[in-house]
Protein backbone atom coordinates (compact mmCIF):
# COMPACT_ATOMS: atom_id res chain seq x y z
CA MET A 1 -8.22 44.41 10.38
CA GLU A 2 -5.32 46.16 9.50
CA ASN A 3 -2.36 46.94 11.77
CA LEU A 4 -1.40 43.41 12.34
CA SER A 5 1.86 41.80 11.55
CA VAL A 6 2.16 37.88 10.61
CA ARG A 7 5.43 36.02 11.02
CA TYR A 8 6.86 32.70 11.72
CA VAL A 9 8.26 31.72 15.35
CA PHE A 10 10.05 28.55 15.69
CA ASP A 11 10.84 26.76 18.67
CA ARG A 12 9.62 29.35 21.04
CA LYS A 13 10.30 27.37 24.04
CA LYS A 14 14.13 26.91 23.07
CA GLN A 15 13.92 22.89 23.33
CA ALA A 16 14.61 21.99 19.76
CA ASN A 17 18.10 20.20 19.15
CA GLU A 18 19.48 16.99 17.37
CA THR A 19 17.13 14.80 19.39
CA LYS A 20 14.09 16.65 20.24
CA LYS A 21 11.75 18.56 18.03
CA GLY A 22 10.57 22.20 18.53
CA LEU A 23 7.27 23.58 17.31
CA LEU A 24 6.77 25.81 14.29
CA GLN A 25 4.07 28.64 15.17
CA ILE A 26 2.89 31.79 13.48
CA GLU A 27 2.80 34.83 15.55
CA VAL A 28 0.09 37.58 14.88
CA ARG A 29 1.14 40.68 16.60
CA ARG A 30 -0.77 44.13 16.78
CA LEU A 31 1.73 46.92 15.65
CA ASN A 32 3.23 49.09 18.22
CA SER A 33 1.97 46.67 21.02
CA SER A 34 2.89 43.92 22.88
CA LYS A 35 -0.42 42.13 22.31
CA ARG A 36 -0.20 38.99 20.22
CA VAL A 37 -1.81 35.58 19.22
CA MET A 38 0.28 32.59 18.81
CA ILE A 39 -1.05 29.72 16.53
CA SER A 40 0.50 26.36 16.07
CA THR A 41 0.92 24.94 12.53
CA GLY A 42 1.36 21.44 13.82
CA ILE A 43 4.91 21.25 12.46
CA ARG A 44 7.51 19.88 14.81
CA LEU A 45 11.18 19.97 13.66
CA TYR A 46 14.58 19.28 14.61
CA ARG A 47 16.75 22.27 14.81
CA ASN A 48 18.89 21.42 11.68
CA GLN A 49 15.47 21.15 9.75
CA PHE A 50 14.50 24.63 10.22
CA SER A 51 15.74 27.71 8.01
CA SER A 52 14.39 31.37 8.10
CA LYS A 53 14.90 31.78 4.44
CA ASN A 54 11.67 33.27 2.99
CA GLY A 55 10.21 33.46 6.33
CA PHE A 56 10.39 29.73 6.75
CA THR A 57 11.89 26.90 4.90
CA CYS A 58 12.11 23.24 5.66
CA ARG A 59 15.29 21.31 5.07
CA ASN A 60 17.10 17.93 5.67
CA HIS A 61 13.61 16.37 5.55
CA ASP A 62 12.19 13.66 3.02
CA SER A 63 8.96 15.74 2.77
CA ALA A 64 10.64 19.31 3.32
CA VAL A 65 8.87 20.74 0.05
CA LEU A 66 5.42 19.58 1.42
CA ILE A 67 6.19 20.81 4.80
CA THR A 68 7.33 24.26 3.58
CA GLY A 69 4.23 24.41 1.32
CA LYS A 70 2.04 23.44 4.22
CA ALA A 71 3.51 26.18 6.52
CA HIS A 72 3.07 28.90 3.65
CA ARG A 73 -0.44 27.93 2.83
CA ILE A 74 -1.32 28.45 6.76
CA LEU A 75 0.28 31.77 6.87
CA ARG A 76 -1.17 33.02 3.75
CA GLN A 77 -4.70 31.99 5.26
CA ILE A 78 -3.95 33.72 8.45
CA GLU A 79 -3.06 36.93 6.64
CA ALA A 80 -6.15 36.65 4.43
CA PHE A 81 -8.22 36.09 7.52
CA THR A 82 -6.69 39.23 9.12
CA LEU A 83 -7.62 41.48 6.36
CA SER A 84 -11.14 40.10 5.90
CA ASP A 85 -14.29 41.62 7.45
CA LYS A 86 -14.45 38.46 9.64
CA CYS A 87 -11.42 39.72 11.75
CA THR A 88 -12.46 43.05 13.78
CA ASN A 89 -9.99 42.44 16.63
CA ILE A 90 -6.90 40.37 17.38
CA GLU A 91 -8.55 37.83 19.57
CA GLN A 92 -10.63 36.81 16.68
CA VAL A 93 -7.54 35.58 14.85
CA LYS A 94 -7.73 32.36 17.03
CA ASN A 95 -10.67 31.27 15.17
CA TRP A 96 -8.97 31.90 11.71
CA ASP A 97 -9.39 28.12 10.99
CA ASN A 98 -13.12 27.55 11.19
CA ASP A 99 -12.98 26.30 7.83
CA SER A 100 -9.36 24.93 8.05
CA ALA A 101 -9.99 21.87 5.85
CA GLY A 102 -7.90 23.79 3.02
CA CYS A 103 -4.76 24.12 5.07
CA PHE A 104 -3.74 20.45 5.50
CA SER A 105 -1.71 18.46 2.75
CA VAL A 106 -3.45 15.20 1.89
CA VAL A 107 -0.26 13.49 0.52
CA GLU A 108 1.68 14.63 3.71
CA PHE A 109 -0.90 13.36 5.96
CA MET A 110 -1.22 9.92 4.26
CA ARG A 111 2.48 9.59 4.48
CA GLU A 112 2.57 10.31 8.24
CA GLN A 113 -0.21 7.98 9.02
CA LEU A 114 1.39 5.24 6.92
CA LYS A 115 4.82 5.60 8.90
CA LYS A 116 2.97 5.54 12.01
CA SER A 117 1.12 2.35 11.18
CA ASN A 118 4.41 0.31 10.78
CA PRO A 119 3.33 -1.51 7.78
CA THR A 120 4.30 -4.87 6.23
CA ALA A 121 6.14 -4.67 3.11
CA ALA A 122 3.05 -5.60 0.97
CA THR A 123 1.02 -3.09 2.66
CA MET A 124 3.54 -0.32 2.25
CA GLU A 125 3.99 -1.24 -1.41
CA HIS A 126 0.22 -0.73 -2.07
CA HIS A 127 -0.32 2.33 0.24
CA SER A 128 2.89 4.01 -1.39
CA ALA A 129 1.47 3.42 -4.96
CA LEU A 130 -1.85 4.81 -4.03
CA ILE A 131 0.11 8.08 -2.39
CA ASN A 132 2.21 8.48 -5.52
CA GLN A 133 -1.06 8.35 -7.60
CA VAL A 134 -2.75 10.87 -5.52
CA GLU A 135 0.23 13.11 -5.85
CA ARG A 136 0.63 12.66 -9.61
CA PHE A 137 -3.20 13.30 -10.05
CA GLY A 138 -2.31 17.01 -8.50
CA LYS A 139 -6.02 17.99 -7.91
CA ILE A 140 -6.25 16.61 -4.38
CA LYS A 141 -3.69 18.72 -2.41
CA THR A 142 -5.55 19.75 0.55
CA PHE A 143 -8.61 18.16 2.33
CA ALA A 144 -10.70 21.27 0.80
CA ASP A 145 -10.07 19.38 -2.38
CA ILE A 146 -11.72 16.23 -1.24
CA THR A 147 -14.84 16.57 -3.25
CA TYR A 148 -17.24 14.20 -5.19
CA GLU A 149 -16.04 15.76 -8.24
CA ASN A 150 -12.24 15.18 -7.66
CA ILE A 151 -12.92 11.60 -6.38
CA SER A 152 -14.54 10.86 -9.82
CA GLU A 153 -11.66 12.47 -11.74
CA PHE A 154 -9.33 10.58 -9.79
CA ASP A 155 -11.12 7.32 -10.49
CA ARG A 156 -10.75 8.31 -14.26
CA PHE A 157 -7.15 9.11 -13.70
CA LEU A 158 -6.49 5.75 -12.03
CA LYS A 159 -7.79 3.89 -15.03
CA GLN A 160 -6.02 6.10 -17.53
CA SER A 161 -2.90 5.24 -15.57
CA GLY A 162 -3.21 1.60 -16.00
CA VAL A 163 -5.32 0.52 -13.10
CA LYS A 164 -7.79 -1.40 -15.16
CA GLU A 165 -9.06 -4.32 -12.79
CA ASN A 166 -12.23 -3.51 -10.85
CA SER A 167 -10.72 -5.19 -7.79
CA THR A 168 -7.60 -3.26 -7.77
CA LEU A 169 -9.70 -0.03 -8.28
CA ASN A 170 -11.91 -1.04 -5.48
CA LYS A 171 -8.73 -1.56 -3.27
CA ARG A 172 -7.28 1.82 -4.36
CA HIS A 173 -10.63 3.57 -3.37
CA SER A 174 -11.22 1.64 -0.30
CA THR A 175 -7.71 2.51 1.01
CA PHE A 176 -7.82 6.42 0.33
CA ARG A 177 -11.62 6.30 1.89
CA ARG A 178 -9.84 4.92 5.20
CA TYR A 179 -7.46 8.00 5.06
CA ILE A 180 -10.24 10.36 4.57
CA LYS A 181 -12.20 8.75 7.62
CA GLN A 182 -9.29 9.10 9.79
CA ALA A 183 -8.75 12.75 8.69
CA ILE A 184 -12.49 13.43 9.57
CA TYR A 185 -11.92 11.75 13.01
CA MET A 186 -8.78 14.08 13.52
CA ASP A 187 -10.78 17.13 12.34
CA ARG A 188 -8.68 17.67 9.27
CA CYS A 189 -11.55 16.87 6.96
CA LYS A 190 -15.18 17.59 7.15
CA LYS A 191 -16.83 15.32 4.66
CA ASP A 192 -16.51 11.97 3.16
CA PRO A 193 -17.46 12.25 -0.65
CA TYR A 194 -17.49 8.48 -0.98
CA PHE A 195 -21.02 8.54 0.42
CA GLU A 196 -22.05 9.73 -2.95
CA PHE A 197 -19.43 8.06 -5.04
CA LYS A 198 -20.31 4.65 -6.53
CA MET A 199 -17.29 2.27 -5.54
CA PRO A 200 -16.00 -0.14 -8.45
CA SER A 201 -17.01 -3.58 -7.79
CA LYS A 202 -14.64 -5.79 -5.85
CA LYS A 203 -15.14 -8.75 -8.28
CA GLY A 204 -12.39 -8.91 -10.75
CA LYS A 205 -11.55 -11.55 -13.39
CA ASP A 206 -10.91 -15.17 -12.29
CA PRO A 207 -7.34 -15.87 -11.31
CA VAL A 208 -4.96 -17.54 -13.78
CA TYR A 209 -3.95 -21.11 -12.81
CA LEU A 210 -1.91 -23.71 -14.79
CA GLU A 211 -3.21 -27.33 -15.41
CA GLU A 212 -0.99 -30.22 -14.84
CA SER A 213 0.06 -30.71 -18.50
CA GLU A 214 1.00 -26.96 -18.43
CA ILE A 215 3.12 -27.45 -15.35
CA GLY A 216 4.96 -30.22 -17.26
CA LYS A 217 5.67 -27.78 -20.04
CA ILE A 218 7.26 -25.41 -17.59
CA LEU A 219 9.26 -28.02 -15.95
CA HIS A 220 10.65 -29.50 -19.26
CA TYR A 221 11.47 -26.08 -20.79
CA GLU A 222 15.18 -25.41 -21.23
CA PRO A 223 15.87 -21.65 -20.60
CA PHE A 224 18.33 -19.88 -22.93
CA ASN A 225 20.30 -17.96 -20.26
CA GLU A 226 21.07 -18.12 -16.48
CA LYS A 227 18.53 -15.25 -15.55
CA LEU A 228 15.59 -17.13 -17.23
CA GLU A 229 16.78 -20.11 -15.40
CA HIS A 230 16.73 -18.43 -12.01
CA VAL A 231 13.09 -17.13 -12.91
CA LYS A 232 11.92 -20.73 -14.24
CA ASP A 233 13.44 -22.15 -10.86
CA LEU A 234 11.73 -19.41 -8.52
CA PHE A 235 8.14 -20.02 -10.53
CA VAL A 236 8.42 -23.68 -9.95
CA PHE A 237 9.39 -23.46 -6.33
CA GLN A 238 6.23 -21.13 -5.89
CA ILE A 239 4.11 -23.68 -7.80
CA PHE A 240 4.95 -26.42 -5.36
CA THR A 241 4.87 -24.13 -2.12
CA GLY A 242 2.12 -21.79 -2.73
CA MET A 243 4.26 -18.98 -1.47
CA ALA A 244 3.68 -15.33 -2.53
CA TYR A 245 6.55 -13.49 -4.18
CA ILE A 246 7.61 -11.49 -1.08
CA ASP A 247 7.66 -14.72 1.08
CA VAL A 248 9.92 -16.42 -1.43
CA MET A 249 12.33 -13.59 -1.33
CA ASN A 250 12.48 -13.98 2.51
CA PHE A 251 12.73 -17.86 2.43
CA SER A 252 15.56 -19.36 4.10
CA ARG A 253 16.69 -22.75 5.76
CA ASP A 254 14.82 -21.56 8.97
CA CYS A 255 11.41 -22.11 7.30
CA ILE A 256 11.90 -25.90 6.80
CA SER A 257 11.59 -28.11 9.98
CA GLU A 258 10.77 -31.84 10.69
CA LEU A 259 7.33 -33.31 11.77
CA ASP A 260 6.65 -37.00 12.25
CA GLY A 261 9.94 -37.95 10.08
CA LYS A 262 8.81 -35.65 7.15
CA ARG A 263 10.18 -32.27 5.89
CA ILE A 264 7.67 -29.38 6.83
CA LEU A 265 7.65 -25.83 5.17
CA ARG A 266 6.27 -23.66 8.02
CA SER A 267 6.31 -19.76 8.14
CA ARG A 268 4.02 -16.82 8.09
CA ARG A 269 2.99 -14.68 5.30
CA GLU A 270 4.46 -11.16 5.01
CA LYS A 271 1.38 -9.68 3.75
CA THR A 272 -1.19 -10.75 6.47
CA ASN A 273 1.09 -12.51 9.03
CA GLU A 274 -0.93 -15.45 8.76
CA ALA A 275 0.91 -18.79 9.56
CA PHE A 276 0.93 -21.32 6.93
CA ILE A 277 2.43 -25.00 7.01
CA SER A 278 2.51 -27.73 4.25
CA LEU A 279 4.87 -30.66 3.35
CA PHE A 280 8.13 -29.45 1.83
CA LEU A 281 7.34 -31.33 -1.74
CA PRO A 282 10.24 -32.74 -3.65
CA GLU A 283 10.09 -30.58 -6.47
CA ALA A 284 10.37 -27.46 -4.15
CA GLU A 285 13.13 -29.03 -2.11
CA THR A 286 15.36 -29.93 -5.13
CA ILE A 287 15.49 -26.11 -6.14
CA ALA A 288 15.91 -25.21 -2.42
CA GLU A 289 19.05 -27.36 -2.53
CA LYS A 290 20.33 -26.29 -5.85
CA TYR A 291 20.77 -22.88 -4.39
CA ASP A 292 21.83 -23.78 -0.89
CA TYR A 293 18.45 -22.46 0.41
CA GLN A 294 19.50 -18.99 -0.77
CA LEU A 295 17.17 -18.54 -3.71
CA PRO A 296 17.99 -15.90 -6.22
CA LYS A 297 16.76 -12.28 -5.76
CA ILE A 298 14.74 -10.43 -8.23
CA THR A 299 12.52 -7.56 -8.08
CA ASN A 300 8.74 -8.12 -8.43
CA GLN A 301 8.51 -6.07 -11.83
CA LYS A 302 11.62 -7.83 -13.43
CA TYR A 303 10.35 -11.19 -12.26
CA ASN A 304 6.85 -10.62 -14.09
CA ASP A 305 8.78 -9.41 -17.08
CA TYR A 306 10.60 -12.53 -17.38
CA LEU A 307 7.73 -14.74 -16.57
CA LYS A 308 6.31 -13.44 -19.78
CA LEU A 309 9.34 -14.88 -21.72
CA LEU A 310 9.12 -18.21 -19.61
CA GLY A 311 5.55 -18.68 -20.81
CA THR A 312 6.15 -17.91 -24.31
CA GLY A 313 9.32 -20.20 -24.31
CA ALA A 314 7.43 -22.99 -22.91
CA GLY A 315 4.77 -22.70 -25.38
CA LEU A 316 1.90 -21.40 -22.92
CA ARG A 317 -0.87 -19.09 -23.96
CA LYS A 318 -1.47 -17.74 -20.54
CA ASN A 319 -0.21 -14.89 -19.01
CA LEU A 320 2.18 -15.81 -16.16
CA THR A 321 2.68 -13.65 -13.14
CA THR A 322 3.91 -14.42 -9.78
CA HIS A 323 0.20 -14.96 -8.74
CA THR A 324 -0.22 -17.65 -11.32
CA ALA A 325 2.03 -20.02 -9.46
CA ARG A 326 0.12 -19.46 -6.07
CA HIS A 327 -3.01 -20.05 -7.67
CA THR A 328 -1.74 -23.08 -9.40
CA PHE A 329 -0.71 -24.52 -6.05
CA ALA A 330 -4.14 -24.12 -4.65
CA THR A 331 -5.88 -25.69 -7.62
CA TYR A 332 -3.17 -28.41 -7.66
CA LEU A 333 -3.86 -29.50 -4.08
CA LEU A 334 -7.69 -29.43 -4.69
CA ASN A 335 -7.41 -31.69 -7.83
CA LYS A 336 -5.45 -34.11 -5.56
CA ASP A 337 -8.49 -34.31 -3.40
CA ILE A 338 -6.73 -32.46 -0.46
CA PRO A 339 -9.57 -31.18 1.82
CA ILE A 340 -10.21 -27.56 1.58
CA GLU A 341 -9.53 -26.84 4.98
CA THR A 342 -5.98 -28.35 4.62
CA VAL A 343 -5.51 -26.08 1.39
CA SER A 344 -6.42 -23.07 3.27
CA LYS A 345 -3.98 -23.63 6.00
CA ALA A 346 -1.08 -24.55 3.29
CA MET A 347 -1.90 -21.23 1.63
CA GLY A 348 -2.06 -19.11 4.84
CA HIS A 349 -5.41 -17.87 4.02
CA SER A 350 -7.30 -15.87 6.90
CA ASN A 351 -10.52 -17.58 6.14
CA ILE A 352 -11.80 -20.61 4.22
CA LYS A 353 -13.82 -18.40 1.72
CA MET A 354 -10.70 -17.34 0.05
CA THR A 355 -9.88 -21.00 -0.64
CA GLN A 356 -13.50 -21.67 -1.67
CA HIS A 357 -12.79 -19.58 -4.51
CA TYR A 358 -10.38 -21.87 -6.07
CA ALA A 359 -12.85 -24.77 -5.57
CA ARG A 360 -15.34 -22.85 -7.65
CA LEU A 361 -13.17 -22.25 -10.31
CA LEU A 362 -12.58 -26.00 -10.65
CA GLY A 363 -16.40 -26.73 -10.16
CA LYS A 364 -15.56 -29.81 -8.13
CA LYS A 365 -18.28 -29.48 -5.53
CA VAL A 366 -20.78 -29.20 -8.55
CA VAL A 367 -19.32 -32.38 -10.46
CA SER A 368 -19.07 -34.32 -7.07
CA ASP A 369 -22.43 -33.55 -5.97
CA MET A 370 -24.17 -34.28 -9.28
CA SER A 371 -22.28 -37.51 -9.63
CA LYS A 372 -24.63 -38.95 -7.24
CA LEU A 373 -27.13 -38.84 -10.00
CA LEU A 374 -25.06 -41.57 -11.75
CA LEU A 375 -25.07 -44.10 -8.94
């Protein structure tokens, strides 16, 4: 249908200011007539975030480019609908989005949902990495792009980008699928291509941990500079507390208390909010006192980089990461015949199955059960 004009209208109700948002709409009007249809873009902005440049440009917003792109895509699609054979009168413009999956930005949707979920630091890190990977992939821009072919290509892109472990690939795809299911629930997306896509196995490589002799090599190693000394101290602190990297960075004197005359380490895991409690072992206490309970700060990436130097310097062939220390703590306790239920509580595991994985690594139950044959 010709003789229709299409334009942006912002804050028709005149309520937007510095603290209240106004709605961006698209007006479709019949020329030489007062008859019009108002269509919501779903975009709400503060007054200082709206500009009439190029019809509409978002500014002063972290996602300004994405929001501007989304609005322009909607306007172009509405214009295309008004010129198509499907539109024979202005009232039909209201049904322009019967196939609306193509108008919503996947990355913008994911960022909005993540922000609403009030995530922990660890969850934010994982989800942000996924969102950045989807954005870099570049072939899944709108929900119309959510196809089996693009999901398969995205899987190859992840592998080529350095995501090699099946467990990590599975986690990326599982998280992406949750966003897609949420979009389907909100009528943004029409189909879940993961019904057809074979997910990578959750099973990854066995975790790396240190034997007692290897712990001894770390303890006796003399770092050649202050930064490496800090890394060694943090790693040893992790080995004897089982704390994850982010929990070590948040460690303070408030995490220590007394119970039955003994010093106790008690807190909650940042990643899962699960409580954990264990004895504050002397090796960890010595390091805490060395720094007056204000442990050195270092980024996760730099920490892992320096751990490679630490492992090489100590004469270890294993690839050390922040996770190695946590795995070592669990196997160290099990080797000392600490009950698996106690180890689970000390690790802050949400269920004992996670701890049983370490027992399987050691083969302790197999050896214990078969030892009965020698009696």
